[in-house]
Amino acid sequence: MIAPLGTLVFLATIWLLVVLGASVLEASGAKIAAALKGKPPQNPSFAPIRMRVRYRLQRPMRASAEWRAAA
């Protein structure tokens, strides 16, 4: 009974991979074909990249002689 269930899971996984692969090829198949032919893409699209900047909220404290002696 385990073998038919395993086969069913295997076939469902293969089907899902085929569906996902077809959707990827549908979305970017022209770009892939142009790249394989060595041609630049027809309409290059640049997505904006957001950079995360972290600011220091507090400046580092320089240790004075008193602080070093207390440590």
PDB file of N, CA and C in Angstrom:
ATOM      1  N   MET A   1       0.817  -1.192   0.000  1.00  0.00           N
ATOM      2  CA  MET A   1       0.000   0.000   0.000  1.00  0.00           C
ATOM      3  C   MET A   1       0.867   1.265   0.000  1.00  0.00           C
ATOM      4  N   ILE A   2       2.085   1.127   0.486  1.00  0.00           N
ATOM      5  CA  ILE A   2       2.972   2.296   0.540  1.00  0.00           C
ATOM      6  C   ILE A   2       3.480   2.649  -0.856  1.00  0.00           C
ATOM      7  N   ALA A   3       3.717   1.657  -1.696  1.00  0.00           N
ATOM      8  CA  ALA A   3       4.258   1.908  -3.032  1.00  0.00           C
ATOM      9  C   ALA A   3       3.325   2.770  -3.891  1.00  0.00           C
ATOM     10  N   PRO A   4       2.016   2.493  -3.939  1.00  0.00           N
ATOM     11  CA  PRO A   4       1.146   3.371  -4.733  1.00  0.00           C
ATOM     12  C   PRO A   4       1.100   4.801  -4.206  1.00  0.00           C
ATOM     13  N   LEU A   5       1.127   4.963  -2.894  1.00  0.00           N
ATOM     14  CA  LEU A   5       1.117   6.309  -2.320  1.00  0.00           C
ATOM     15  C   LEU A   5       2.426   7.038  -2.626  1.00  0.00           C
ATOM     16  N   GLY A   6       3.532   6.326  -2.554  1.00  0.00           N
ATOM     17  CA  GLY A   6       4.819   6.925  -2.896  1.00  0.00           C
ATOM     18  C   GLY A   6       4.866   7.328  -4.359  1.00  0.00           C
ATOM     19  N   THR A   7       4.305   6.481  -5.228  1.00  0.00           N
ATOM     20  CA  THR A   7       4.257   6.806  -6.651  1.00  0.00           C
ATOM     21  C   THR A   7       3.391   8.033  -6.893  1.00  0.00           C
ATOM     22  N   LEU A   8       2.276   8.121  -6.205  1.00  0.00           N
ATOM     23  CA  LEU A   8       1.380   9.265  -6.352  1.00  0.00           C
ATOM     24  C   LEU A   8       2.069  10.558  -5.908  1.00  0.00           C
ATOM     25  N   VAL A   9       2.789  10.512  -4.805  1.00  0.00           N
ATOM     26  CA  VAL A   9       3.527  11.682  -4.328  1.00  0.00           C
ATOM     27  C   VAL A   9       4.622  12.060  -5.316  1.00  0.00           C
ATOM     28  N   PHE A  10       5.314  11.073  -5.845  1.00  0.00           N
ATOM     29  CA  PHE A  10       6.361  11.328  -6.824  1.00  0.00           C
ATOM     30  C   PHE A  10       5.803  11.994  -8.075  1.00  0.00           C
ATOM     31  N   LEU A  11       4.699  11.468  -8.598  1.00  0.00           N
ATOM     32  CA  LEU A  11       4.103  12.037  -9.799  1.00  0.00           C
ATOM     33  C   LEU A  11       3.559  13.448  -9.544  1.00  0.00           C
ATOM     34  N   ALA A  12       3.000  13.680  -8.364  1.00  0.00           N
ATOM     35  CA  ALA A  12       2.514  15.021  -8.028  1.00  0.00           C
ATOM     36  C   ALA A  12       3.672  16.007  -7.944  1.00  0.00           C
ATOM     37  N   THR A  13       4.804  15.568  -7.420  1.00  0.00           N
ATOM     38  CA  THR A  13       5.980  16.439  -7.326  1.00  0.00           C
ATOM     39  C   THR A  13       6.518  16.765  -8.715  1.00  0.00           C
ATOM     40  N   ILE A  14       6.585  15.777  -9.579  1.00  0.00           N
ATOM     41  CA  ILE A  14       7.048  16.005 -10.952  1.00  0.00           C
ATOM     42  C   ILE A  14       6.107  16.971 -11.669  1.00  0.00           C
ATOM     43  N   TRP A  15       4.796  16.782 -11.490  1.00  0.00           N
ATOM     44  CA  TRP A  15       3.818  17.668 -12.117  1.00  0.00           C
ATOM     45  C   TRP A  15       4.000  19.098 -11.625  1.00  0.00           C
ATOM     46  N   LEU A  16       4.213  19.275 -10.325  1.00  0.00           N
ATOM     47  CA  LEU A  16       4.402  20.613  -9.762  1.00  0.00           C
ATOM     48  C   LEU A  16       5.665  21.262 -10.322  1.00  0.00           C
ATOM     49  N   LEU A  17       6.742  20.501 -10.470  1.00  0.00           N
ATOM     50  CA  LEU A  17       7.966  21.044 -11.045  1.00  0.00           C
ATOM     51  C   LEU A  17       7.773  21.454 -12.498  1.00  0.00           C
ATOM     52  N   VAL A  18       7.014  20.686 -13.247  1.00  0.00           N
ATOM     53  CA  VAL A  18       6.747  21.031 -14.642  1.00  0.00           C
ATOM     54  C   VAL A  18       5.919  22.303 -14.726  1.00  0.00           C
ATOM     55  N   VAL A  19       4.913  22.444 -13.878  1.00  0.00           N
ATOM     56  CA  VAL A  19       4.072  23.641 -13.880  1.00  0.00           C
ATOM     57  C   VAL A  19       4.887  24.870 -13.501  1.00  0.00           C
ATOM     58  N   LEU A  20       5.730  24.752 -12.474  1.00  0.00           N
ATOM     59  CA  LEU A  20       6.562  25.888 -12.073  1.00  0.00           C
ATOM     60  C   LEU A  20       7.582  26.236 -13.148  1.00  0.00           C
ATOM     61  N   GLY A  21       8.173  25.240 -13.774  1.00  0.00           N
ATOM     62  CA  GLY A  21       9.126  25.496 -14.852  1.00  0.00           C
ATOM     63  C   GLY A  21       8.463  26.175 -16.037  1.00  0.00           C
ATOM     64  N   ALA A  22       7.237  25.779 -16.363  1.00  0.00           N
ATOM     65  CA  ALA A  22       6.519  26.412 -17.473  1.00  0.00           C
ATOM     66  C   ALA A  22       6.193  27.864 -17.154  1.00  0.00           C
ATOM     67  N   SER A  23       5.852  28.146 -15.910  1.00  0.00           N
ATOM     68  CA  SER A  23       5.541  29.541 -15.558  1.00  0.00           C
ATOM     69  C   SER A  23       6.797  30.408 -15.591  1.00  0.00           C
ATOM     70  N   VAL A  24       7.928  29.848 -15.206  1.00  0.00           N
ATOM     71  CA  VAL A  24       9.179  30.612 -15.271  1.00  0.00           C
ATOM     72  C   VAL A  24       9.563  30.871 -16.719  1.00  0.00           C
ATOM     73  N   LEU A  25       9.419  29.869 -17.565  1.00  0.00           N
ATOM     74  CA  LEU A  25       9.745  30.057 -18.977  1.00  0.00           C
ATOM     75  C   LEU A  25       8.787  31.041 -19.653  1.00  0.00           C
ATOM     76  N   GLU A  26       7.540  31.028 -19.232  1.00  0.00           N
ATOM     77  CA  GLU A  26       6.580  31.975 -19.796  1.00  0.00           C
ATOM     78  C   GLU A  26       6.925  33.402 -19.401  1.00  0.00           C
ATOM     79  N   ALA A  27       7.398  33.565 -18.171  1.00  0.00           N
ATOM     80  CA  ALA A  27       7.703  34.908 -17.673  1.00  0.00           C
ATOM     81  C   ALA A  27       9.010  35.448 -18.254  1.00  0.00           C
ATOM     82  N   SER A  28      10.024  34.607 -18.387  1.00  0.00           N
ATOM     83  CA  SER A  28      11.327  35.121 -18.805  1.00  0.00           C
ATOM     84  C   SER A  28      11.940  34.309 -19.943  1.00  0.00           C
ATOM     85  N   GLY A  29      11.123  33.667 -20.729  1.00  0.00           N
ATOM     86  CA  GLY A  29      11.638  32.853 -21.827  1.00  0.00           C
ATOM     87  C   GLY A  29      12.325  33.678 -22.900  1.00  0.00           C
ATOM     88  N   ALA A  30      11.799  34.879 -23.181  1.00  0.00           N
ATOM     89  CA  ALA A  30      12.409  35.729 -24.204  1.00  0.00           C
ATOM     90  C   ALA A  30      13.791  36.197 -23.779  1.00  0.00           C
ATOM     91  N   LYS A  31      13.927  36.513 -22.506  1.00  0.00           N
ATOM     92  CA  LYS A  31      15.238  36.953 -21.996  1.00  0.00           C
ATOM     93  C   LYS A  31      16.252  35.814 -22.087  1.00  0.00           C
ATOM     94  N   ILE A  32      15.825  34.609 -21.751  1.00  0.00           N
ATOM     95  CA  ILE A  32      16.728  33.459 -21.787  1.00  0.00           C
ATOM     96  C   ILE A  32      17.144  33.168 -23.226  1.00  0.00           C
ATOM     97  N   ALA A  33      16.188  33.230 -24.160  1.00  0.00           N
ATOM     98  CA  ALA A  33      16.497  32.965 -25.564  1.00  0.00           C
ATOM     99  C   ALA A  33      17.451  34.024 -26.112  1.00  0.00           C
ATOM    100  N   ALA A  34      17.244  35.290 -25.746  1.00  0.00           N
ATOM    101  CA  ALA A  34      18.136  36.352 -26.206  1.00  0.00           C
ATOM    102  C   ALA A  34      19.540  36.169 -25.638  1.00  0.00           C
ATOM    103  N   ALA A  35      19.626  35.748 -24.392  1.00  0.00           N
ATOM    104  CA  ALA A  35      20.934  35.531 -23.782  1.00  0.00           C
ATOM    105  C   ALA A  35      21.666  34.371 -24.443  1.00  0.00           C
ATOM    106  N   LEU A  36      20.935  33.319 -24.798  1.00  0.00           N
ATOM    107  CA  LEU A  36      21.574  32.183 -25.453  1.00  0.00           C
ATOM    108  C   LEU A  36      22.044  32.536 -26.857  1.00  0.00           C
ATOM    109  N   LYS A  37      21.343  33.458 -27.521  1.00  0.00           N
ATOM    110  CA  LYS A  37      21.752  33.888 -28.853  1.00  0.00           C
ATOM    111  C   LYS A  37      22.830  34.963 -28.810  1.00  0.00           C
ATOM    112  N   GLY A  38      23.099  35.507 -27.632  1.00  0.00           N
ATOM    113  CA  GLY A  38      24.128  36.524 -27.487  1.00  0.00           C
ATOM    114  C   GLY A  38      23.650  37.921 -27.798  1.00  0.00           C
ATOM    115  N   LYS A  39      22.344  38.130 -27.789  1.00  0.00           N
ATOM    116  CA  LYS A  39      21.796  39.448 -28.072  1.00  0.00           C
ATOM    117  C   LYS A  39      21.408  40.138 -26.773  1.00  0.00           C
ATOM    118  N   PRO A  40      21.496  41.460 -26.753  1.00  0.00           N
ATOM    119  CA  PRO A  40      21.044  42.161 -25.547  1.00  0.00           C
ATOM    120  C   PRO A  40      19.520  42.093 -25.446  1.00  0.00           C
ATOM    121  N   PRO A  41      18.968  42.193 -24.254  1.00  0.00           N
ATOM    122  CA  PRO A  41      17.514  42.145 -24.112  1.00  0.00           C
ATOM    123  C   PRO A  41      16.852  43.346 -24.783  1.00  0.00           C
ATOM    124  N   GLN A  42      15.635  43.146 -25.257  1.00  0.00           N
ATOM    125  CA  GLN A  42      14.929  44.190 -25.987  1.00  0.00           C
ATOM    126  C   GLN A  42      14.604  45.389 -25.106  1.00  0.00           C
ATOM    127  N   ASN A  43      14.057  45.145 -23.952  1.00  0.00           N
ATOM    128  CA  ASN A  43      13.713  46.239 -23.043  1.00  0.00           C
ATOM    129  C   ASN A  43      14.265  45.926 -21.655  1.00  0.00           C
ATOM    130  N   PRO A  44      15.459  46.433 -21.374  1.00  0.00           N
ATOM    131  CA  PRO A  44      16.032  46.144 -20.062  1.00  0.00           C
ATOM    132  C   PRO A  44      15.225  46.829 -18.971  1.00  0.00           C
ATOM    133  N   SER A  45      14.948  46.094 -17.945  1.00  0.00           N
ATOM    134  CA  SER A  45      14.194  46.663 -16.827  1.00  0.00           C
ATOM    135  C   SER A  45      15.092  46.652 -15.596  1.00  0.00           C
ATOM    136  N   PHE A  46      15.167  47.777 -14.960  1.00  0.00           N
ATOM    137  CA  PHE A  46      15.976  47.911 -13.766  1.00  0.00           C
ATOM    138  C   PHE A  46      15.056  48.105 -12.575  1.00  0.00           C
ATOM    139  N   ALA A  47      15.160  47.221 -11.635  1.00  0.00           N
ATOM    140  CA  ALA A  47      14.345  47.334 -10.441  1.00  0.00           C
ATOM    141  C   ALA A  47      15.092  48.199  -9.431  1.00  0.00           C
ATOM    142  N   PRO A  48      14.389  49.097  -8.773  1.00  0.00           N
ATOM    143  CA  PRO A  48      15.067  49.914  -7.766  1.00  0.00           C
ATOM    144  C   PRO A  48      15.515  49.051  -6.591  1.00  0.00           C
ATOM    145  N   ILE A  49      16.707  49.318  -6.141  1.00  0.00           N
ATOM    146  CA  ILE A  49      17.269  48.571  -5.020  1.00  0.00           C
ATOM    147  C   ILE A  49      17.274  49.475  -3.801  1.00  0.00           C
ATOM    148  N   ARG A  50      16.632  49.013  -2.764  1.00  0.00           N
ATOM    149  CA  ARG A  50      16.617  49.798  -1.546  1.00  0.00           C
ATOM    150  C   ARG A  50      17.797  49.387  -0.672  1.00  0.00           C
ATOM    151  N   MET A  51      18.529  50.372  -0.239  1.00  0.00           N
ATOM    152  CA  MET A  51      19.664  50.113   0.633  1.00  0.00           C
ATOM    153  C   MET A  51      19.247  50.420   2.061  1.00  0.00           C
ATOM    154  N   ARG A  52      19.645  49.575   2.944  1.00  0.00           N
ATOM    155  CA  ARG A  52      19.335  49.793   4.346  1.00  0.00           C
ATOM    156  C   ARG A  52      20.544  50.450   4.998  1.00  0.00           C
ATOM    157  N   VAL A  53      20.330  51.605   5.571  1.00  0.00           N
ATOM    158  CA  VAL A  53      21.411  52.361   6.176  1.00  0.00           C
ATOM    159  C   VAL A  53      21.191  52.362   7.681  1.00  0.00           C
ATOM    160  N   ARG A  54      22.229  52.019   8.386  1.00  0.00           N
ATOM    161  CA  ARG A  54      22.147  52.021   9.851  1.00  0.00           C
ATOM    162  C   ARG A  54      22.981  53.176  10.391  1.00  0.00           C
ATOM    163  N   TYR A  55      22.348  53.986  11.162  1.00  0.00           N
ATOM    164  CA  TYR A  55      23.043  55.101  11.778  1.00  0.00           C
ATOM    165  C   TYR A  55      23.350  54.753  13.227  1.00  0.00           C
ATOM    166  N   ARG A  56      24.492  55.219  13.689  1.00  0.00           N
ATOM    167  CA  ARG A  56      24.816  55.006  15.089  1.00  0.00           C
ATOM    168  C   ARG A  56      24.035  56.005  15.927  1.00  0.00           C
ATOM    169  N   LEU A  57      23.344  55.489  16.885  1.00  0.00           N
ATOM    170  CA  LEU A  57      22.548  56.367  17.727  1.00  0.00           C
ATOM    171  C   LEU A  57      23.405  57.041  18.787  1.00  0.00           C
ATOM    172  N   GLN A  58      24.482  56.399  19.161  1.00  0.00           N
ATOM    173  CA  GLN A  58      25.319  56.934  20.225  1.00  0.00           C
ATOM    174  C   GLN A  58      26.777  56.822  19.789  1.00  0.00           C
ATOM    175  N   ARG A  59      27.503  57.879  19.986  1.00  0.00           N
ATOM    176  CA  ARG A  59      28.912  57.843  19.628  1.00  0.00           C
ATOM    177  C   ARG A  59      29.663  56.972  20.623  1.00  0.00           C
ATOM    178  N   PRO A  60      30.681  56.296  20.186  1.00  0.00           N
ATOM    179  CA  PRO A  60      31.444  55.465  21.116  1.00  0.00           C
ATOM    180  C   PRO A  60      32.149  56.338  22.147  1.00  0.00           C
ATOM    181  N   MET A  61      32.116  55.885  23.382  1.00  0.00           N
ATOM    182  CA  MET A  61      32.712  56.658  24.460  1.00  0.00           C
ATOM    183  C   MET A  61      34.199  56.323  24.557  1.00  0.00           C
ATOM    184  N   ARG A  62      35.010  57.324  24.549  1.00  0.00           N
ATOM    185  CA  ARG A  62      36.443  57.117  24.716  1.00  0.00           C
ATOM    186  C   ARG A  62      36.732  56.947  26.201  1.00  0.00           C
ATOM    187  N   ALA A  63      37.484  55.936  26.505  1.00  0.00           N
ATOM    188  CA  ALA A  63      37.787  55.660  27.898  1.00  0.00           C
ATOM    189  C   ALA A  63      38.870  56.613  28.397  1.00  0.00           C
ATOM    190  N   SER A  64      38.564  57.290  29.461  1.00  0.00           N
ATOM    191  CA  SER A  64      39.556  58.175  30.057  1.00  0.00           C
ATOM    192  C   SER A  64      40.349  57.392  31.107  1.00  0.00           C
ATOM    193  N   ALA A  65      41.308  58.024  31.705  1.00  0.00           N
ATOM    194  CA  ALA A  65      42.142  57.353  32.714  1.00  0.00           C
ATOM    195  C   ALA A  65      41.292  56.931  33.907  1.00  0.00           C
ATOM    196  N   GLU A  66      40.276  57.725  34.250  1.00  0.00           N
ATOM    197  CA  GLU A  66      39.424  57.375  35.398  1.00  0.00           C
ATOM    198  C   GLU A  66      38.619  56.113  35.104  1.00  0.00           C
ATOM    199  N   TRP A  67      38.098  56.022  33.895  1.00  0.00           N
ATOM    200  CA  TRP A  67      37.309  54.844  33.545  1.00  0.00           C
ATOM    201  C   TRP A  67      38.187  53.614  33.468  1.00  0.00           C
ATOM    202  N   ARG A  68      39.398  53.751  32.959  1.00  0.00           N
ATOM    203  CA  ARG A  68      40.298  52.589  32.892  1.00  0.00           C
ATOM    204  C   ARG A  68      40.695  52.130  34.278  1.00  0.00           C
ATOM    205  N   ALA A  69      40.881  53.076  35.171  1.00  0.00           N
ATOM    206  CA  ALA A  69      41.263  52.708  36.545  1.00  0.00           C
ATOM    207  C   ALA A  69      40.098  52.014  37.249  1.00  0.00           C
ATOM    208  N   ALA A  70      38.867  52.437  36.959  1.00  0.00           N
ATOM    209  CA  ALA A  70      37.724  51.824  37.604  1.00  0.00           C
ATOM    210  C   ALA A  70      37.488  50.403  37.100  1.00  0.00           C
ATOM    211  N   ALA A  71      37.912  50.136  35.906  1.00  0.00           N
ATOM    212  CA  ALA A  71      37.686  48.790  35.339  1.00  0.00           C
ATOM    213  C   ALA A  71      38.687  47.859  35.956  1.00  0.00           C
TER     214      ALA A  71
END
